[in-house]
Amino acid sequence: MKIGFVGLGQMGRVMVPLLFRDDWRITGLDISRPDSLPSALVFTTRLADTGTNDLIVPTSPDGRVATRGVGKLVDAGWQAPFTRL
């Protein structure tokens, strides 16, 4: 499974390494790459790079930011499921 994480702050930084244990491919988006992420993570600063995933997980603590990002993907025609934590 390919999962896109939008936000690699306090929550995303903890969750992403755990998902690599299940051999899932993870694309992580944030404005800058945190030092403590696994090297196998595909890191990006572009929202469009998360659009090829099977699932997207917005982890921004600000729901308005997450909603805008998801809205941009939907407007671009992306149809995979989203989940909100």
N, C-alpha and C. Protein backbone atom coordinates (compact mmCIF):
# COMPACT_ATOMS: atom_id res chain seq x y z
N MET A 1 0.84 -1.17 0.00
CA MET A 1 0.00 0.00 0.00
C MET A 1 0.89 1.23 0.00
N LYS A 2 0.47 2.25 -0.72
CA LYS A 2 1.18 3.52 -0.75
C LYS A 2 0.35 4.55 0.03
N ILE A 3 0.98 5.16 1.03
CA ILE A 3 0.28 6.11 1.89
C ILE A 3 0.98 7.46 1.81
N GLY A 4 0.21 8.52 1.69
CA GLY A 4 0.74 9.87 1.71
C GLY A 4 0.42 10.54 3.04
N PHE A 5 1.44 10.98 3.74
CA PHE A 5 1.26 11.71 4.99
C PHE A 5 1.46 13.19 4.71
N VAL A 6 0.45 13.99 4.98
CA VAL A 6 0.55 15.43 4.82
C VAL A 6 0.75 16.01 6.22
N GLY A 7 1.98 16.32 6.53
CA GLY A 7 2.35 16.82 7.86
C GLY A 7 3.23 15.80 8.56
N LEU A 8 4.45 16.20 8.84
CA LEU A 8 5.40 15.30 9.50
C LEU A 8 5.87 15.90 10.82
N GLY A 9 4.96 16.53 11.51
CA GLY A 9 5.26 17.13 12.80
C GLY A 9 5.22 16.09 13.91
N GLN A 10 4.70 16.47 15.05
CA GLN A 10 4.71 15.59 16.22
C GLN A 10 3.99 14.27 15.97
N MET A 11 2.84 14.29 15.32
CA MET A 11 2.09 13.05 15.09
C MET A 11 2.67 12.25 13.93
N GLY A 12 2.90 12.88 12.79
CA GLY A 12 3.42 12.18 11.62
C GLY A 12 4.78 11.57 11.86
N ARG A 13 5.66 12.27 12.60
CA ARG A 13 7.00 11.77 12.89
C ARG A 13 6.98 10.48 13.69
N VAL A 14 5.94 10.31 14.51
CA VAL A 14 5.82 9.09 15.32
C VAL A 14 5.19 7.96 14.51
N MET A 15 4.18 8.28 13.71
CA MET A 15 3.43 7.25 12.99
C MET A 15 4.19 6.66 11.81
N VAL A 16 4.87 7.49 11.04
CA VAL A 16 5.51 7.03 9.81
C VAL A 16 6.49 5.87 10.04
N PRO A 17 7.41 5.95 11.00
CA PRO A 17 8.34 4.82 11.20
C PRO A 17 7.62 3.50 11.53
N LEU A 18 6.51 3.56 12.20
CA LEU A 18 5.77 2.35 12.53
C LEU A 18 5.18 1.69 11.29
N LEU A 19 4.78 2.47 10.31
CA LEU A 19 4.20 1.92 9.08
C LEU A 19 5.23 1.22 8.21
N PHE A 20 6.48 1.64 8.29
CA PHE A 20 7.52 0.95 7.52
C PHE A 20 7.71 -0.49 7.98
N ARG A 21 7.31 -0.81 9.19
CA ARG A 21 7.40 -2.19 9.67
C ARG A 21 6.52 -3.13 8.86
N ASP A 22 5.46 -2.57 8.24
CA ASP A 22 4.55 -3.38 7.43
C ASP A 22 4.87 -3.29 5.94
N ASP A 23 6.05 -2.76 5.61
CA ASP A 23 6.51 -2.64 4.22
C ASP A 23 5.60 -1.77 3.35
N TRP A 24 4.93 -0.82 3.95
CA TRP A 24 4.14 0.13 3.17
C TRP A 24 5.07 1.20 2.63
N ARG A 25 4.75 1.74 1.47
CA ARG A 25 5.53 2.83 0.90
C ARG A 25 4.90 4.14 1.34
N ILE A 26 5.71 5.02 1.89
CA ILE A 26 5.21 6.25 2.48
C ILE A 26 5.81 7.46 1.76
N THR A 27 4.94 8.39 1.36
CA THR A 27 5.36 9.69 0.89
C THR A 27 4.98 10.68 1.97
N GLY A 28 5.94 11.45 2.43
CA GLY A 28 5.69 12.43 3.48
C GLY A 28 5.84 13.84 2.95
N LEU A 29 4.87 14.68 3.25
CA LEU A 29 4.90 16.06 2.82
C LEU A 29 4.99 16.98 4.02
N ASP A 30 5.87 17.95 3.94
CA ASP A 30 5.95 19.00 4.95
C ASP A 30 6.75 20.14 4.34
N ILE A 31 6.80 21.26 5.04
CA ILE A 31 7.56 22.39 4.50
C ILE A 31 9.07 22.17 4.63
N SER A 32 9.49 21.32 5.55
CA SER A 32 10.91 20.94 5.65
C SER A 32 11.00 19.53 6.20
N ARG A 33 12.05 18.81 5.83
CA ARG A 33 12.20 17.41 6.25
C ARG A 33 12.76 17.34 7.67
N PRO A 34 12.02 16.72 8.60
CA PRO A 34 12.55 16.51 9.94
C PRO A 34 13.73 15.53 9.89
N ASP A 35 14.68 15.69 10.79
CA ASP A 35 15.87 14.84 10.81
C ASP A 35 15.58 13.40 11.22
N SER A 36 14.54 13.17 11.98
CA SER A 36 14.34 11.86 12.59
C SER A 36 13.50 10.89 11.77
N LEU A 37 13.34 11.09 10.48
CA LEU A 37 12.51 10.20 9.67
C LEU A 37 13.34 9.10 9.02
N PRO A 38 12.71 7.94 8.74
CA PRO A 38 13.42 6.84 8.08
C PRO A 38 13.93 7.25 6.70
N SER A 39 15.07 6.74 6.32
CA SER A 39 15.65 7.09 5.02
C SER A 39 14.80 6.57 3.86
N ALA A 40 13.98 5.56 4.08
CA ALA A 40 13.13 5.02 3.01
C ALA A 40 11.93 5.91 2.69
N LEU A 41 11.67 6.89 3.51
CA LEU A 41 10.55 7.80 3.28
C LEU A 41 10.81 8.62 2.02
N VAL A 42 9.81 8.69 1.15
CA VAL A 42 9.89 9.58 0.00
C VAL A 42 9.38 10.93 0.49
N PHE A 43 10.28 11.90 0.60
CA PHE A 43 9.92 13.21 1.13
C PHE A 43 9.63 14.19 0.01
N THR A 44 8.62 15.04 0.22
CA THR A 44 8.30 16.08 -0.75
C THR A 44 7.78 17.32 -0.05
N THR A 45 7.89 18.42 -0.74
CA THR A 45 7.27 19.66 -0.27
C THR A 45 6.11 20.06 -1.18
N ARG A 46 5.79 19.20 -2.15
CA ARG A 46 4.71 19.49 -3.12
C ARG A 46 3.50 18.60 -2.87
N LEU A 47 2.36 19.20 -2.65
CA LEU A 47 1.13 18.46 -2.40
C LEU A 47 0.80 17.50 -3.55
N ALA A 48 1.05 17.90 -4.77
CA ALA A 48 0.74 17.06 -5.92
C ALA A 48 1.48 15.72 -5.88
N ASP A 49 2.63 15.66 -5.23
CA ASP A 49 3.40 14.41 -5.15
C ASP A 49 2.72 13.36 -4.28
N THR A 50 1.75 13.74 -3.48
CA THR A 50 1.03 12.77 -2.66
C THR A 50 -0.18 12.19 -3.38
N GLY A 51 -0.50 12.70 -4.55
CA GLY A 51 -1.70 12.30 -5.27
C GLY A 51 -1.67 10.92 -5.89
N THR A 52 -0.53 10.25 -5.89
CA THR A 52 -0.45 8.91 -6.49
C THR A 52 -0.55 7.81 -5.44
N ASN A 53 -0.91 8.16 -4.22
CA ASN A 53 -0.99 7.18 -3.14
C ASN A 53 -2.37 6.53 -3.08
N ASP A 54 -2.43 5.38 -2.41
CA ASP A 54 -3.70 4.68 -2.22
C ASP A 54 -4.56 5.32 -1.13
N LEU A 55 -3.91 6.01 -0.22
CA LEU A 55 -4.58 6.64 0.92
C LEU A 55 -3.79 7.88 1.31
N ILE A 56 -4.49 8.92 1.71
CA ILE A 56 -3.80 10.11 2.20
C ILE A 56 -4.22 10.38 3.63
N VAL A 57 -3.24 10.74 4.46
CA VAL A 57 -3.48 10.98 5.88
C VAL A 57 -3.02 12.40 6.20
N PRO A 58 -3.95 13.35 6.29
CA PRO A 58 -3.55 14.70 6.72
C PRO A 58 -3.39 14.72 8.24
N THR A 59 -2.22 15.13 8.71
CA THR A 59 -1.96 15.11 10.15
C THR A 59 -1.77 16.51 10.73
N SER A 60 -2.16 17.51 9.99
CA SER A 60 -2.03 18.88 10.48
C SER A 60 -2.96 19.10 11.68
N PRO A 61 -2.45 19.72 12.75
CA PRO A 61 -3.32 20.00 13.89
C PRO A 61 -4.36 21.07 13.57
N ASP A 62 -4.14 21.80 12.50
CA ASP A 62 -5.09 22.83 12.06
C ASP A 62 -5.97 22.23 10.98
N GLY A 63 -7.19 21.90 11.31
CA GLY A 63 -8.10 21.26 10.37
C GLY A 63 -8.34 22.07 9.11
N ARG A 64 -8.25 23.38 9.20
CA ARG A 64 -8.45 24.22 8.01
C ARG A 64 -7.33 24.00 7.00
N VAL A 65 -6.10 23.83 7.49
CA VAL A 65 -4.97 23.58 6.59
C VAL A 65 -5.15 22.24 5.89
N ALA A 66 -5.52 21.21 6.65
CA ALA A 66 -5.73 19.88 6.08
C ALA A 66 -6.86 19.90 5.06
N THR A 67 -7.94 20.60 5.37
CA THR A 67 -9.09 20.67 4.46
C THR A 67 -8.71 21.34 3.15
N ARG A 68 -7.93 22.40 3.21
CA ARG A 68 -7.49 23.08 1.98
C ARG A 68 -6.64 22.16 1.13
N GLY A 69 -5.72 21.43 1.76
CA GLY A 69 -4.86 20.52 1.02
C GLY A 69 -5.63 19.40 0.36
N VAL A 70 -6.54 18.80 1.09
CA VAL A 70 -7.38 17.74 0.53
C VAL A 70 -8.25 18.30 -0.59
N GLY A 71 -8.79 19.48 -0.39
CA GLY A 71 -9.61 20.12 -1.42
C GLY A 71 -8.85 20.32 -2.72
N LYS A 72 -7.57 20.68 -2.63
CA LYS A 72 -6.76 20.87 -3.84
C LYS A 72 -6.57 19.55 -4.58
N LEU A 73 -6.39 18.45 -3.85
CA LEU A 73 -6.26 17.15 -4.51
C LEU A 73 -7.57 16.72 -5.16
N VAL A 74 -8.67 16.94 -4.49
CA VAL A 74 -9.98 16.59 -5.05
C VAL A 74 -10.23 17.41 -6.32
N ASP A 75 -9.93 18.70 -6.25
CA ASP A 75 -10.10 19.57 -7.42
C ASP A 75 -9.26 19.10 -8.60
N ALA A 76 -8.12 18.49 -8.31
CA ALA A 76 -7.23 17.98 -9.36
C ALA A 76 -7.68 16.62 -9.89
N GLY A 77 -8.76 16.06 -9.34
CA GLY A 77 -9.30 14.79 -9.83
C GLY A 77 -8.85 13.56 -9.08
N TRP A 78 -8.14 13.74 -7.95
CA TRP A 78 -7.67 12.59 -7.18
C TRP A 78 -8.84 11.95 -6.46
N GLN A 79 -8.96 10.61 -6.52
CA GLN A 79 -10.15 9.94 -6.00
C GLN A 79 -9.87 8.89 -4.93
N ALA A 80 -8.65 8.74 -4.47
CA ALA A 80 -8.35 7.76 -3.43
C ALA A 80 -8.92 8.24 -2.09
N PRO A 81 -9.12 7.33 -1.15
CA PRO A 81 -9.71 7.73 0.15
C PRO A 81 -8.75 8.58 0.99
N PHE A 82 -9.36 9.38 1.83
CA PHE A 82 -8.65 10.20 2.81
C PHE A 82 -9.07 9.72 4.19
N THR A 83 -8.21 9.93 5.14
CA THR A 83 -8.58 9.67 6.52
C THR A 83 -8.11 10.84 7.36
N ARG A 84 -8.81 11.16 8.40
CA ARG A 84 -8.43 12.25 9.29
C ARG A 84 -8.20 11.67 10.67
N LEU A 85 -7.07 11.98 11.25
CA LEU A 85 -6.73 11.45 12.58
C LEU A 85 -7.12 12.44 13.65
